[in-house]
Amino acid sequence: MLFKTKNSIELITAIKSLKLSHAVLIYSDEERRQDDLAKIVSCRVVCTSNNKPCFKCKACKKVELGIHPDVIYPEMSGTKLVFSIDEIRKIKAKIHVKPNEADSKIYIFLHAHKMTHSAQNAVLKVLEEPVSDCLFFLFCKSSFDLLETVTSRCSKFFLEKSDFEEIFRVLNYKSHRILRVGTEKFNEDFSEKVFNSILNFDEWELLKLVSQSFENKDNEHLILNKILGFFENILIYKNTDKKQNLENKVQSFSDTVSNSDTIKIIALTNQAITYRKRNIFQSIVATWFCANLYKILSTCRRKVLNN
């Protein structure tokens, strides 16, 4: 390394004591573990129990589900999926707004190296004027991914696989994970739960289940493909005479969604599959997918109820 970075022990101490710099930069190529570390830090910031982070309280569970209002993942946009200067301007516009539920807000930049040059310069101005109740956590692979002026404003940690494992062990994260499938095999019972959450318009349950499936690399595309197939079958049912071999739930749900809304859901699901193939973090994709799916389904439901 061309500069001195702190080690995992120092990071553990800082997390436990919450004596973190206003901006922390993590260098690592362990992308799946970065997401877990982001959740650990976020839980420590928002946790409401005495033993922080507990990974059990309501606030910690919201972090794990990706729905805590004070844990903010800036959005990438455009065909190249980058953090644009417009996204940083949104942060600057709201940075002095007090946290909703916790004592502090935390902004998590996964794939921070995907900030445009102008976005990095805008972030620099934010970091140069720290706000007492705002933390920034940035993750990238290399010291060359960000402007030196940005990295100089951050506490820097270079973490390898063993460092993440030590952090998880010391903070007892693995034993308290809320939504881990681990080595549990994908099965039809799990699939049935997913479809029931859709049929019952249960957004929280679907978010939990999709997040679970994403934790298993071998299974993560299966659940999205099953959802995709479900709505493709609805489209077939609504527009052809080939109805006899389709499941009852396809037939019963077909009256709830219109052709145009079914096509929107199919496009949405295909986009989620594309994002995961590009290794966009699972928590971001899961939250984005479920929120947009239920936005469409809620509109469909209101139309049915009004008729």
Protein backbone atom coordinates (compact mmCIF):
# COMPACT_ATOMS: atom_id res chain seq x y z
CA MET A 1 0.00 0.00 0.00
CA LEU A 2 1.23 3.51 -0.73
CA PHE A 3 -0.26 4.92 2.47
CA LYS A 4 -0.79 3.78 6.03
CA THR A 5 -4.16 2.15 6.69
CA LYS A 6 -5.66 1.00 9.96
CA ASN A 7 -6.28 -2.65 10.71
CA SER A 8 -9.37 -4.66 11.57
CA ILE A 9 -8.73 -4.49 15.34
CA GLU A 10 -8.82 -0.71 15.22
CA LEU A 11 -12.01 -0.85 13.18
CA ILE A 12 -13.65 -3.25 15.68
CA THR A 13 -12.72 -0.91 18.53
CA ALA A 14 -14.10 2.08 16.66
CA ILE A 15 -17.38 0.28 15.86
CA LYS A 16 -17.90 -0.94 19.42
CA SER A 17 -17.17 2.49 20.93
CA LEU A 18 -18.82 4.33 18.02
CA LYS A 19 -15.75 6.52 17.86
CA LEU A 20 -15.79 6.57 14.11
CA SER A 21 -14.52 9.26 11.82
CA HIS A 22 -17.27 11.17 10.03
CA ALA A 23 -16.02 9.42 6.86
CA VAL A 24 -14.66 5.87 6.67
CA LEU A 25 -13.20 4.30 3.55
CA ILE A 26 -12.90 0.52 3.27
CA TYR A 27 -10.61 -0.98 0.64
CA SER A 28 -11.42 -4.60 -0.16
CA ASP A 29 -12.33 -6.92 -3.02
CA GLU A 30 -14.58 -8.99 -0.72
CA GLU A 31 -17.77 -7.43 -2.08
CA ARG A 32 -20.31 -9.76 -0.45
CA ARG A 33 -18.71 -9.21 2.96
CA GLN A 34 -18.71 -5.45 2.47
CA ASP A 35 -22.50 -5.48 2.50
CA ASP A 36 -22.47 -7.37 5.81
CA LEU A 37 -19.98 -4.93 7.30
CA ALA A 38 -22.17 -2.02 6.20
CA LYS A 39 -25.08 -3.62 8.06
CA ILE A 40 -22.97 -4.16 11.20
CA VAL A 41 -21.90 -0.52 11.31
CA SER A 42 -25.43 0.66 10.56
CA CYS A 43 -26.84 -1.54 13.32
CA ARG A 44 -24.30 -0.09 15.75
CA VAL A 45 -25.40 3.43 14.82
CA VAL A 46 -29.17 2.87 15.12
CA CYS A 47 -29.43 0.01 17.67
CA THR A 48 -31.78 0.71 20.59
CA SER A 49 -30.58 -2.01 23.00
CA ASN A 50 -27.97 -1.68 25.72
CA ASN A 51 -25.61 -4.21 24.09
CA LYS A 52 -24.97 -2.55 20.73
CA PRO A 53 -25.19 -3.84 18.08
CA CYS A 54 -27.68 -6.52 19.12
CA PHE A 55 -28.98 -7.49 15.62
CA LYS A 56 -32.30 -8.29 17.30
CA CYS A 57 -34.11 -5.03 18.09
CA LYS A 58 -36.61 -3.43 15.73
CA ALA A 59 -34.05 -0.92 14.49
CA CYS A 60 -31.47 -3.62 13.69
CA LYS A 61 -34.09 -5.67 11.88
CA LYS A 62 -34.98 -2.64 9.78
CA VAL A 63 -31.32 -2.32 8.82
CA GLU A 64 -31.18 -5.98 7.79
CA LEU A 65 -34.30 -5.53 5.66
CA GLY A 66 -32.90 -2.36 4.12
CA ILE A 67 -35.77 -0.16 5.29
CA HIS A 68 -34.33 1.93 8.15
CA PRO A 69 -34.94 5.60 7.27
CA ASP A 70 -31.61 6.74 8.72
CA VAL A 71 -29.49 4.19 6.86
CA ILE A 72 -29.23 5.59 3.36
CA TYR A 73 -27.85 3.88 0.27
CA PRO A 74 -27.38 6.50 -2.47
CA GLU A 75 -28.70 5.25 -5.81
CA MET A 76 -26.73 4.61 -8.95
CA SER A 77 -28.30 5.58 -12.25
CA GLY A 78 -27.77 5.64 -16.00
CA THR A 79 -26.90 2.85 -18.40
CA LYS A 80 -23.48 2.46 -16.76
CA LEU A 81 -24.96 2.49 -13.24
CA VAL A 82 -22.88 5.23 -11.64
CA PHE A 83 -23.29 7.67 -8.76
CA SER A 84 -24.04 10.94 -10.52
CA ILE A 85 -23.50 14.46 -9.29
CA ASP A 86 -27.29 14.85 -9.09
CA GLU A 87 -27.40 12.07 -6.49
CA ILE A 88 -24.75 13.85 -4.40
CA ARG A 89 -26.70 17.10 -4.69
CA LYS A 90 -29.73 15.31 -3.22
CA ILE A 91 -27.59 14.29 -0.25
CA LYS A 92 -26.27 17.83 0.22
CA ALA A 93 -29.82 19.19 0.13
CA LYS A 94 -30.92 16.89 2.97
CA ILE A 95 -27.76 16.49 5.00
CA HIS A 96 -28.79 19.02 7.66
CA VAL A 97 -32.21 17.40 8.13
CA LYS A 98 -32.28 15.63 11.51
CA PRO A 99 -32.40 11.81 11.61
CA ASN A 100 -35.88 10.24 11.63
CA GLU A 101 -35.45 7.59 14.33
CA ALA A 102 -31.80 7.24 15.36
CA ASP A 103 -29.32 9.74 16.78
CA SER A 104 -27.35 9.79 13.54
CA LYS A 105 -27.75 9.12 9.84
CA ILE A 106 -25.34 6.93 7.93
CA TYR A 107 -24.74 7.07 4.19
CA ILE A 108 -23.44 3.81 2.68
CA PHE A 109 -21.65 3.99 -0.68
CA LEU A 110 -21.22 0.43 -1.90
CA HIS A 111 -19.17 0.46 -5.12
CA ALA A 112 -17.90 3.97 -4.31
CA HIS A 113 -15.52 3.64 -7.25
CA LYS A 114 -18.56 4.09 -9.50
CA MET A 115 -18.80 7.77 -8.61
CA THR A 116 -18.26 10.04 -11.56
CA HIS A 117 -15.43 12.56 -11.34
CA SER A 118 -17.88 15.41 -10.78
CA ALA A 119 -19.72 13.39 -8.12
CA GLN A 120 -16.45 12.81 -6.26
CA ASN A 121 -15.73 16.52 -6.26
CA ALA A 122 -19.21 17.14 -4.88
CA VAL A 123 -18.69 14.51 -2.16
CA LEU A 124 -15.41 16.18 -1.27
CA LYS A 125 -17.25 19.39 -0.42
CA VAL A 126 -19.61 17.42 1.85
CA LEU A 127 -16.72 15.69 3.63
CA GLU A 128 -14.84 18.97 4.10
CA GLU A 129 -17.70 20.29 6.25
CA PRO A 130 -18.66 17.39 8.60
CA VAL A 131 -22.17 17.32 10.06
CA SER A 132 -22.25 16.03 13.65
CA ASP A 133 -25.10 13.56 13.14
CA CYS A 134 -24.01 12.17 9.75
CA LEU A 135 -21.58 9.35 8.96
CA PHE A 136 -20.27 8.29 5.58
CA PHE A 137 -19.04 4.78 4.78
CA LEU A 138 -17.45 4.22 1.39
CA PHE A 139 -16.37 0.86 -0.06
CA CYS A 140 -14.09 0.34 -3.04
CA LYS A 141 -11.47 -2.11 -4.28
CA SER A 142 -8.36 -0.01 -4.72
CA SER A 143 -6.63 3.11 -3.48
CA PHE A 144 -6.62 4.32 -7.08
CA ASP A 145 -10.42 4.18 -7.46
CA LEU A 146 -11.10 7.56 -5.83
CA LEU A 147 -9.54 11.00 -6.00
CA GLU A 148 -6.76 11.55 -3.48
CA THR A 149 -8.56 14.65 -2.23
CA VAL A 150 -11.52 12.42 -1.28
CA THR A 151 -9.50 9.65 0.35
CA SER A 152 -7.53 12.20 2.39
CA ARG A 153 -10.74 13.19 4.19
CA CYS A 154 -11.44 9.59 5.30
CA SER A 155 -10.17 7.10 7.85
CA LYS A 156 -8.88 4.27 5.68
CA PHE A 157 -8.99 0.51 6.31
CA PHE A 158 -7.65 -2.21 4.02
CA LEU A 159 -9.52 -5.44 4.80
CA GLU A 160 -8.92 -8.97 3.58
CA LYS A 161 -11.19 -11.99 3.97
CA SER A 162 -9.65 -12.90 7.33
CA ASP A 163 -10.26 -9.37 8.62
CA PHE A 164 -13.97 -9.58 7.85
CA GLU A 165 -14.17 -12.98 9.54
CA GLU A 166 -12.49 -11.56 12.64
CA ILE A 167 -14.87 -8.59 12.75
CA PHE A 168 -17.91 -10.88 12.40
CA ARG A 169 -16.54 -13.21 15.10
CA VAL A 170 -15.75 -10.52 17.65
CA LEU A 171 -19.07 -8.72 17.12
CA ASN A 172 -20.94 -12.05 17.13
CA TYR A 173 -22.64 -11.18 13.88
CA LYS A 174 -22.93 -14.63 12.37
CA SER A 175 -24.84 -16.13 15.30
CA HIS A 176 -27.31 -13.23 15.30
CA ARG A 177 -27.95 -13.00 11.57
CA ILE A 178 -31.62 -12.44 11.01
CA LEU A 179 -32.16 -13.47 7.41
CA ARG A 180 -29.50 -15.98 6.48
CA VAL A 181 -30.34 -19.04 4.41
CA GLY A 182 -26.76 -20.33 4.63
CA THR A 183 -26.45 -23.78 3.08
CA GLU A 184 -30.18 -24.46 3.24
CA LYS A 185 -31.31 -25.71 -0.15
CA PHE A 186 -33.81 -23.81 -2.23
CA ASN A 187 -37.06 -25.78 -2.23
CA GLU A 188 -40.66 -25.61 -3.29
CA ASP A 189 -41.86 -24.69 0.21
CA PHE A 190 -39.71 -21.57 0.06
CA SER A 191 -41.03 -20.80 -3.40
CA GLU A 192 -44.59 -21.20 -2.15
CA LYS A 193 -43.94 -18.68 0.63
CA VAL A 194 -42.73 -16.17 -1.95
CA PHE A 195 -45.84 -16.56 -4.08
CA ASN A 196 -48.10 -16.32 -1.02
CA SER A 197 -46.44 -13.03 -0.07
CA ILE A 198 -47.21 -11.72 -3.57
CA LEU A 199 -50.78 -13.00 -3.58
CA ASN A 200 -51.39 -11.55 -0.11
CA PHE A 201 -49.73 -8.20 -0.97
CA ASP A 202 -47.29 -8.71 1.95
CA GLU A 203 -44.35 -6.51 1.00
CA TRP A 204 -42.37 -7.06 4.20
CA GLU A 205 -42.58 -10.84 3.89
CA LEU A 206 -41.51 -10.75 0.25
CA LEU A 207 -38.57 -8.47 1.05
CA LYS A 208 -37.46 -10.87 3.78
CA LEU A 209 -37.73 -13.90 1.49
CA VAL A 210 -36.01 -12.28 -1.49
CA SER A 211 -33.20 -11.10 0.80
CA GLN A 212 -32.85 -14.64 2.10
CA SER A 213 -32.62 -16.12 -1.38
CA PHE A 214 -29.96 -13.56 -2.39
CA GLU A 215 -27.74 -14.71 0.47
CA ASN A 216 -27.24 -18.04 -1.28
CA LYS A 217 -25.24 -17.48 -4.46
CA ASP A 218 -26.45 -20.73 -6.01
CA ASN A 219 -30.13 -19.93 -5.47
CA GLU A 220 -30.45 -16.18 -5.89
CA HIS A 221 -31.47 -16.23 -9.56
CA LEU A 222 -33.92 -19.11 -9.06
CA ILE A 223 -36.40 -17.08 -7.06
CA LEU A 224 -36.36 -14.18 -9.55
CA ASN A 225 -36.77 -16.63 -12.43
CA LYS A 226 -39.74 -18.24 -10.68
CA ILE A 227 -41.38 -14.83 -10.17
CA LEU A 228 -40.63 -14.03 -13.81
CA GLY A 229 -42.22 -17.29 -14.95
CA PHE A 230 -45.28 -16.67 -12.78
CA PHE A 231 -46.07 -13.33 -14.42
CA GLU A 232 -45.16 -14.61 -17.89
CA ASN A 233 -47.77 -17.34 -17.35
CA ILE A 234 -50.30 -14.70 -16.32
CA LEU A 235 -49.62 -12.91 -19.60
CA ILE A 236 -50.14 -16.19 -21.49
CA TYR A 237 -53.37 -16.87 -19.59
CA LYS A 238 -54.76 -13.43 -20.35
CA ASN A 239 -53.89 -13.42 -24.05
CA THR A 240 -54.10 -16.98 -25.37
CA ASP A 241 -56.29 -20.04 -25.21
CA LYS A 242 -53.52 -22.14 -23.62
CA LYS A 243 -55.00 -22.11 -20.13
CA GLN A 244 -55.42 -25.75 -19.22
CA ASN A 245 -51.90 -26.46 -17.96
CA LEU A 246 -51.46 -23.31 -15.90
CA GLU A 247 -51.54 -23.29 -12.09
CA ASN A 248 -54.66 -22.23 -10.22
CA LYS A 249 -52.87 -19.30 -8.59
CA VAL A 250 -51.97 -17.97 -12.05
CA GLN A 251 -55.61 -18.12 -13.07
CA SER A 252 -56.90 -16.56 -9.85
CA PHE A 253 -54.36 -13.73 -9.82
CA SER A 254 -54.77 -12.88 -13.50
CA ASP A 255 -57.86 -10.78 -12.78
CA THR A 256 -55.85 -8.59 -10.41
CA VAL A 257 -53.24 -7.35 -12.89
CA SER A 258 -53.76 -5.80 -16.29
CA ASN A 259 -51.74 -6.65 -19.40
CA SER A 260 -49.73 -3.44 -19.14
CA ASP A 261 -48.98 -3.95 -15.44
CA THR A 262 -47.96 -7.58 -16.04
CA ILE A 263 -45.53 -6.43 -18.73
CA LYS A 264 -44.12 -3.83 -16.29
CA ILE A 265 -43.54 -6.52 -13.66
CA ILE A 266 -41.84 -8.80 -16.19
CA ALA A 267 -39.52 -5.94 -17.23
CA LEU A 268 -38.86 -5.10 -13.56
CA THR A 269 -37.93 -8.71 -12.76
CA ASN A 270 -35.65 -8.97 -15.78
CA GLN A 271 -33.92 -5.77 -14.68
CA ALA A 272 -33.41 -7.18 -11.15
CA ILE A 273 -31.82 -10.30 -12.67
CA THR A 274 -29.52 -8.08 -14.75
CA TYR A 275 -28.50 -6.04 -11.69
CA ARG A 276 -27.56 -9.18 -9.75
CA LYS A 277 -25.55 -10.50 -12.70
CA ARG A 278 -23.65 -7.21 -12.57
CA ASN A 279 -22.99 -7.91 -8.87
CA ILE A 280 -24.96 -4.93 -7.62
CA PHE A 281 -25.30 -5.55 -3.88
CA GLN A 282 -28.13 -7.88 -2.92
CA SER A 283 -29.67 -5.61 -0.29
CA ILE A 284 -29.97 -2.75 -2.79
CA VAL A 285 -31.48 -4.95 -5.50
CA ALA A 286 -33.87 -6.70 -3.08
CA THR A 287 -35.18 -3.42 -1.65
CA TRP A 288 -35.44 -1.78 -5.09
CA PHE A 289 -37.20 -4.79 -6.62
CA CYS A 290 -39.75 -5.32 -3.82
CA ALA A 291 -40.56 -1.61 -3.51
CA ASN A 292 -41.22 -1.25 -7.24
CA LEU A 293 -43.12 -4.54 -7.48
CA TYR A 294 -45.49 -3.50 -4.73
CA LYS A 295 -45.87 -0.04 -6.16
CA ILE A 296 -47.27 -1.70 -9.29
CA LEU A 297 -49.33 -4.27 -7.36
CA SER A 298 -50.81 -1.64 -5.04
CA THR A 299 -52.04 0.31 -8.04
CA CYS A 300 -53.58 -2.87 -9.46
CA ARG A 301 -55.29 -3.65 -6.17
CA ARG A 302 -56.81 -0.17 -5.90
CA LYS A 303 -58.24 -0.52 -9.42
CA VAL A 304 -59.83 -3.86 -8.51
CA LEU A 305 -61.30 -2.49 -5.28
CA ASN A 306 -62.72 0.56 -7.06
CA ASN A 307 -64.47 -1.52 -9.71
